[in-house]
Amino acid sequence: DELRKYRETVCFPSEDAIYLCGNSLGLQPKGIRSAILQDLDRWAVYGVEGHFVEEAPSVPWWTIEDLPKADLTNIVGAHESEIAVMNSLTVNLHLLLAAFYKPTKSH
């Protein structure tokens, strides 16, 4: 099983669990707790300036959406300059409808 090695990188609710829920948070990655604590520390120390401080102990927030672009180029077959990493599907659909859907009395 080629994917078996990834089983060790997430927290399972039980030893024999088969987890197929893909439209939720999914299984918690084992390293996420420390990453979240780093960002909480960054927020506590820098406040809103945490968006811009490069030497802070976590990923700069201002450009965080740029991190996966290089990996996504092969997945979507596009150049980094053509990729926009955004919200969830639900949020993107809401933004689309809010921007363009203009109901009238007839439709």
N, C-alpha and C. Protein backbone atom coordinates (compact mmCIF):
# COMPACT_ATOMS: atom_id res chain seq x y z
N ASP A 1 0.85 -1.19 0.00
CA ASP A 1 0.00 0.00 0.00
C ASP A 1 0.89 1.24 0.00
N GLU A 2 0.87 1.99 -1.09
CA GLU A 2 1.73 3.16 -1.25
C GLU A 2 1.40 4.28 -0.26
N LEU A 3 0.15 4.35 0.17
CA LEU A 3 -0.27 5.44 1.05
C LEU A 3 -0.12 5.12 2.53
N ARG A 4 0.23 3.90 2.86
CA ARG A 4 0.32 3.45 4.26
C ARG A 4 1.24 4.33 5.10
N LYS A 5 2.32 4.82 4.50
CA LYS A 5 3.28 5.62 5.26
C LYS A 5 2.65 6.91 5.81
N TYR A 6 1.60 7.39 5.16
CA TYR A 6 0.95 8.62 5.61
C TYR A 6 0.07 8.39 6.84
N ARG A 7 -0.29 7.14 7.11
CA ARG A 7 -1.11 6.82 8.27
C ARG A 7 -0.43 7.26 9.57
N GLU A 8 0.89 7.20 9.59
CA GLU A 8 1.64 7.58 10.79
C GLU A 8 1.71 9.08 11.00
N THR A 9 1.27 9.88 10.03
CA THR A 9 1.39 11.33 10.14
C THR A 9 0.13 12.00 10.68
N VAL A 10 -0.93 11.21 10.94
CA VAL A 10 -2.19 11.78 11.42
C VAL A 10 -2.68 11.05 12.67
N CYS A 11 -3.56 11.70 13.40
CA CYS A 11 -4.15 11.12 14.62
C CYS A 11 -5.44 10.40 14.24
N PHE A 12 -5.51 9.11 14.53
CA PHE A 12 -6.73 8.34 14.29
C PHE A 12 -7.52 8.22 15.58
N PRO A 13 -8.87 8.21 15.50
CA PRO A 13 -9.68 8.08 16.70
C PRO A 13 -9.52 6.71 17.37
N SER A 14 -9.12 5.69 16.61
CA SER A 14 -8.86 4.37 17.18
C SER A 14 -7.89 3.63 16.27
N GLU A 15 -7.29 2.57 16.78
CA GLU A 15 -6.29 1.78 16.02
C GLU A 15 -6.85 1.21 14.73
N ASP A 16 -8.10 0.74 14.77
CA ASP A 16 -8.67 0.05 13.61
C ASP A 16 -9.58 0.95 12.77
N ALA A 17 -9.50 2.24 12.96
CA ALA A 17 -10.38 3.16 12.24
C ALA A 17 -10.06 3.20 10.75
N ILE A 18 -11.10 3.24 9.95
CA ILE A 18 -11.00 3.52 8.52
C ILE A 18 -11.76 4.83 8.33
N TYR A 19 -11.05 5.87 8.01
CA TYR A 19 -11.61 7.22 8.02
C TYR A 19 -11.79 7.69 6.58
N LEU A 20 -13.03 7.82 6.14
CA LEU A 20 -13.30 8.18 4.75
C LEU A 20 -13.99 9.53 4.61
N CYS A 21 -14.06 10.30 5.66
CA CYS A 21 -14.73 11.60 5.62
C CYS A 21 -13.79 12.63 5.03
N GLY A 22 -14.01 13.00 3.79
CA GLY A 22 -13.11 13.93 3.13
C GLY A 22 -13.63 15.34 3.03
N ASN A 23 -14.86 15.60 3.49
CA ASN A 23 -15.42 16.94 3.34
C ASN A 23 -15.51 17.64 4.70
N SER A 24 -14.64 17.28 5.62
CA SER A 24 -14.61 17.93 6.92
C SER A 24 -13.17 18.36 7.18
N LEU A 25 -12.85 18.56 8.41
CA LEU A 25 -11.45 18.85 8.74
C LEU A 25 -10.56 17.65 8.46
N GLY A 26 -11.14 16.48 8.38
CA GLY A 26 -10.34 15.28 8.17
C GLY A 26 -9.61 14.90 9.44
N LEU A 27 -8.65 14.03 9.32
CA LEU A 27 -7.86 13.63 10.47
C LEU A 27 -6.83 14.70 10.79
N GLN A 28 -6.57 14.87 12.07
CA GLN A 28 -5.64 15.91 12.51
C GLN A 28 -4.20 15.49 12.23
N PRO A 29 -3.46 16.29 11.47
CA PRO A 29 -2.04 16.00 11.29
C PRO A 29 -1.31 16.10 12.64
N LYS A 30 -0.38 15.19 12.89
CA LYS A 30 0.30 15.16 14.19
C LYS A 30 1.12 16.43 14.46
N GLY A 31 1.59 17.09 13.44
CA GLY A 31 2.40 18.29 13.65
C GLY A 31 1.61 19.57 13.75
N ILE A 32 0.31 19.51 13.63
CA ILE A 32 -0.47 20.75 13.56
C ILE A 32 -0.53 21.49 14.88
N ARG A 33 -0.53 20.78 16.00
CA ARG A 33 -0.61 21.44 17.30
C ARG A 33 0.54 22.44 17.49
N SER A 34 1.76 22.02 17.19
CA SER A 34 2.91 22.92 17.37
C SER A 34 2.84 24.08 16.38
N ALA A 35 2.36 23.83 15.15
CA ALA A 35 2.24 24.91 14.16
C ALA A 35 1.22 25.95 14.62
N ILE A 36 0.12 25.50 15.18
CA ILE A 36 -0.90 26.44 15.67
C ILE A 36 -0.37 27.23 16.87
N LEU A 37 0.33 26.56 17.76
CA LEU A 37 0.91 27.25 18.92
C LEU A 37 1.93 28.30 18.48
N GLN A 38 2.70 28.01 17.43
CA GLN A 38 3.64 29.01 16.90
C GLN A 38 2.90 30.25 16.42
N ASP A 39 1.78 30.04 15.72
CA ASP A 39 1.02 31.19 15.23
C ASP A 39 0.35 31.94 16.38
N LEU A 40 -0.11 31.23 17.39
CA LEU A 40 -0.68 31.92 18.56
C LEU A 40 0.39 32.75 19.25
N ASP A 41 1.59 32.21 19.36
CA ASP A 41 2.70 32.97 19.95
C ASP A 41 3.03 34.20 19.10
N ARG A 42 3.04 34.03 17.80
CA ARG A 42 3.32 35.14 16.89
C ARG A 42 2.28 36.24 17.08
N TRP A 43 1.02 35.86 17.19
CA TRP A 43 -0.08 36.81 17.38
C TRP A 43 0.10 37.54 18.72
N ALA A 44 0.44 36.80 19.77
CA ALA A 44 0.61 37.40 21.10
C ALA A 44 1.75 38.42 21.11
N VAL A 45 2.86 38.09 20.45
CA VAL A 45 4.04 38.95 20.47
C VAL A 45 3.91 40.15 19.53
N TYR A 46 3.37 39.93 18.33
CA TYR A 46 3.39 40.96 17.30
C TYR A 46 2.02 41.59 17.02
N GLY A 47 0.94 40.99 17.47
CA GLY A 47 -0.39 41.50 17.14
C GLY A 47 -0.59 41.50 15.64
N VAL A 48 -1.22 42.53 15.13
CA VAL A 48 -1.51 42.61 13.69
C VAL A 48 -0.22 42.68 12.87
N GLU A 49 0.85 43.16 13.46
CA GLU A 49 2.14 43.23 12.75
C GLU A 49 2.68 41.84 12.41
N GLY A 50 2.12 40.80 13.03
CA GLY A 50 2.52 39.44 12.71
C GLY A 50 2.34 39.09 11.25
N HIS A 51 1.49 39.84 10.55
CA HIS A 51 1.30 39.63 9.11
C HIS A 51 2.58 39.92 8.33
N PHE A 52 3.40 40.79 8.85
CA PHE A 52 4.52 41.32 8.07
C PHE A 52 5.90 40.96 8.58
N VAL A 53 6.02 40.42 9.79
CA VAL A 53 7.32 40.15 10.40
C VAL A 53 7.89 38.86 9.82
N GLU A 54 8.96 38.98 9.05
CA GLU A 54 9.57 37.83 8.37
C GLU A 54 10.29 36.89 9.34
N GLU A 55 10.92 37.45 10.38
CA GLU A 55 11.73 36.61 11.26
C GLU A 55 10.95 35.98 12.40
N ALA A 56 9.63 36.13 12.41
CA ALA A 56 8.79 35.52 13.45
C ALA A 56 8.87 34.00 13.34
N PRO A 57 8.51 33.28 14.43
CA PRO A 57 8.71 31.82 14.46
C PRO A 57 7.69 30.99 13.69
N SER A 58 7.04 31.56 12.71
CA SER A 58 6.12 30.78 11.88
C SER A 58 6.07 31.39 10.49
N VAL A 59 5.25 30.85 9.64
CA VAL A 59 5.13 31.32 8.26
C VAL A 59 4.52 32.72 8.23
N PRO A 60 5.08 33.65 7.46
CA PRO A 60 4.48 34.98 7.36
C PRO A 60 3.04 34.90 6.87
N TRP A 61 2.13 35.52 7.59
CA TRP A 61 0.71 35.44 7.24
C TRP A 61 0.39 36.18 5.95
N TRP A 62 1.07 37.28 5.70
CA TRP A 62 0.73 38.13 4.57
C TRP A 62 0.84 37.39 3.24
N THR A 63 1.75 36.43 3.16
CA THR A 63 1.99 35.71 1.91
C THR A 63 1.74 34.21 2.04
N ILE A 64 1.00 33.80 3.06
CA ILE A 64 0.84 32.37 3.33
C ILE A 64 0.19 31.62 2.16
N GLU A 65 -0.67 32.31 1.41
CA GLU A 65 -1.34 31.63 0.28
C GLU A 65 -0.39 31.34 -0.87
N ASP A 66 0.80 31.92 -0.86
CA ASP A 66 1.78 31.66 -1.92
C ASP A 66 2.54 30.34 -1.71
N LEU A 67 2.54 29.81 -0.50
CA LEU A 67 3.32 28.61 -0.19
C LEU A 67 2.99 27.40 -1.07
N PRO A 68 1.72 27.07 -1.30
CA PRO A 68 1.44 25.85 -2.07
C PRO A 68 1.49 26.03 -3.59
N LYS A 69 1.74 27.23 -4.07
CA LYS A 69 1.68 27.46 -5.52
C LYS A 69 2.63 26.58 -6.32
N ALA A 70 3.85 26.43 -5.87
CA ALA A 70 4.83 25.62 -6.62
C ALA A 70 4.35 24.18 -6.73
N ASP A 71 3.81 23.63 -5.65
CA ASP A 71 3.30 22.25 -5.69
C ASP A 71 2.06 22.14 -6.58
N LEU A 72 1.26 23.18 -6.62
CA LEU A 72 0.02 23.14 -7.40
C LEU A 72 0.25 23.25 -8.91
N THR A 73 1.40 23.75 -9.32
CA THR A 73 1.65 23.90 -10.76
C THR A 73 1.51 22.57 -11.49
N ASN A 74 2.06 21.50 -10.93
CA ASN A 74 1.97 20.19 -11.56
C ASN A 74 0.57 19.60 -11.48
N ILE A 75 -0.12 19.88 -10.38
CA ILE A 75 -1.47 19.31 -10.19
C ILE A 75 -2.46 19.92 -11.17
N VAL A 76 -2.44 21.24 -11.32
CA VAL A 76 -3.42 21.91 -12.18
C VAL A 76 -2.89 22.24 -13.57
N GLY A 77 -1.59 22.02 -13.81
CA GLY A 77 -1.02 22.27 -15.13
C GLY A 77 -0.98 23.74 -15.48
N ALA A 78 -0.59 24.56 -14.53
CA ALA A 78 -0.53 26.01 -14.76
C ALA A 78 0.76 26.57 -14.18
N HIS A 79 1.09 27.80 -14.57
CA HIS A 79 2.24 28.49 -14.00
C HIS A 79 1.83 29.10 -12.66
N GLU A 80 2.81 29.32 -11.80
CA GLU A 80 2.52 29.92 -10.49
C GLU A 80 1.75 31.23 -10.62
N SER A 81 2.08 32.02 -11.63
CA SER A 81 1.41 33.32 -11.81
C SER A 81 -0.06 33.16 -12.21
N GLU A 82 -0.46 31.96 -12.59
CA GLU A 82 -1.85 31.71 -13.00
C GLU A 82 -2.68 31.07 -11.89
N ILE A 83 -2.09 30.84 -10.73
CA ILE A 83 -2.76 30.13 -9.65
C ILE A 83 -3.11 31.10 -8.53
N ALA A 84 -4.34 30.99 -8.05
CA ALA A 84 -4.78 31.75 -6.89
C ALA A 84 -5.29 30.76 -5.85
N VAL A 85 -4.68 30.76 -4.69
CA VAL A 85 -5.12 29.89 -3.60
C VAL A 85 -6.09 30.70 -2.76
N MET A 86 -7.30 30.19 -2.62
CA MET A 86 -8.34 30.96 -1.94
C MET A 86 -9.04 30.14 -0.86
N ASN A 87 -10.24 30.50 -0.60
CA ASN A 87 -11.07 29.93 0.47
C ASN A 87 -11.59 28.54 0.11
N SER A 88 -12.54 28.08 0.88
CA SER A 88 -13.20 26.81 0.59
C SER A 88 -14.17 26.99 -0.57
N LEU A 89 -14.65 25.90 -1.11
CA LEU A 89 -15.61 25.96 -2.20
C LEU A 89 -16.85 26.74 -1.80
N THR A 90 -17.34 26.52 -0.59
CA THR A 90 -18.54 27.21 -0.13
C THR A 90 -18.33 28.72 -0.11
N VAL A 91 -17.22 29.17 0.42
CA VAL A 91 -16.93 30.61 0.48
C VAL A 91 -16.77 31.17 -0.93
N ASN A 92 -16.06 30.45 -1.80
CA ASN A 92 -15.86 30.94 -3.16
C ASN A 92 -17.18 31.05 -3.92
N LEU A 93 -18.08 30.08 -3.74
CA LEU A 93 -19.39 30.16 -4.39
C LEU A 93 -20.19 31.35 -3.85
N HIS A 94 -20.13 31.58 -2.55
CA HIS A 94 -20.80 32.73 -1.96
C HIS A 94 -20.26 34.03 -2.55
N LEU A 95 -18.92 34.15 -2.63
CA LEU A 95 -18.32 35.36 -3.19
C LEU A 95 -18.73 35.56 -4.64
N LEU A 96 -18.78 34.48 -5.40
CA LEU A 96 -19.19 34.55 -6.79
C LEU A 96 -20.63 35.04 -6.91
N LEU A 97 -21.53 34.43 -6.14
CA LEU A 97 -22.93 34.83 -6.18
C LEU A 97 -23.13 36.26 -5.68
N ALA A 98 -22.45 36.62 -4.61
CA ALA A 98 -22.60 37.97 -4.07
C ALA A 98 -22.13 39.03 -5.07
N ALA A 99 -21.13 38.68 -5.87
CA ALA A 99 -20.59 39.64 -6.83
C ALA A 99 -21.42 39.74 -8.10
N PHE A 100 -21.98 38.62 -8.56
CA PHE A 100 -22.59 38.63 -9.89
C PHE A 100 -24.09 38.35 -9.93
N TYR A 101 -24.66 37.72 -8.93
CA TYR A 101 -26.08 37.38 -8.96
C TYR A 101 -26.91 38.60 -8.56
N LYS A 102 -27.66 39.12 -9.48
CA LYS A 102 -28.50 40.30 -9.25
C LYS A 102 -29.95 39.95 -9.59
N PRO A 103 -30.68 39.37 -8.62
CA PRO A 103 -32.07 38.99 -8.91
C PRO A 103 -32.96 40.20 -9.20
N THR A 104 -33.93 39.97 -10.07
CA THR A 104 -34.92 40.99 -10.38
C THR A 104 -36.29 40.41 -10.12
N LYS A 105 -37.35 41.20 -10.27
CA LYS A 105 -38.71 40.72 -10.04
C LYS A 105 -39.10 39.61 -11.01
N SER A 106 -38.55 39.64 -12.23
CA SER A 106 -38.92 38.66 -13.25
C SER A 106 -38.09 37.36 -13.17
N HIS A 107 -36.93 37.41 -12.56
CA HIS A 107 -36.11 36.19 -12.43
C HIS A 107 -35.11 36.30 -11.31
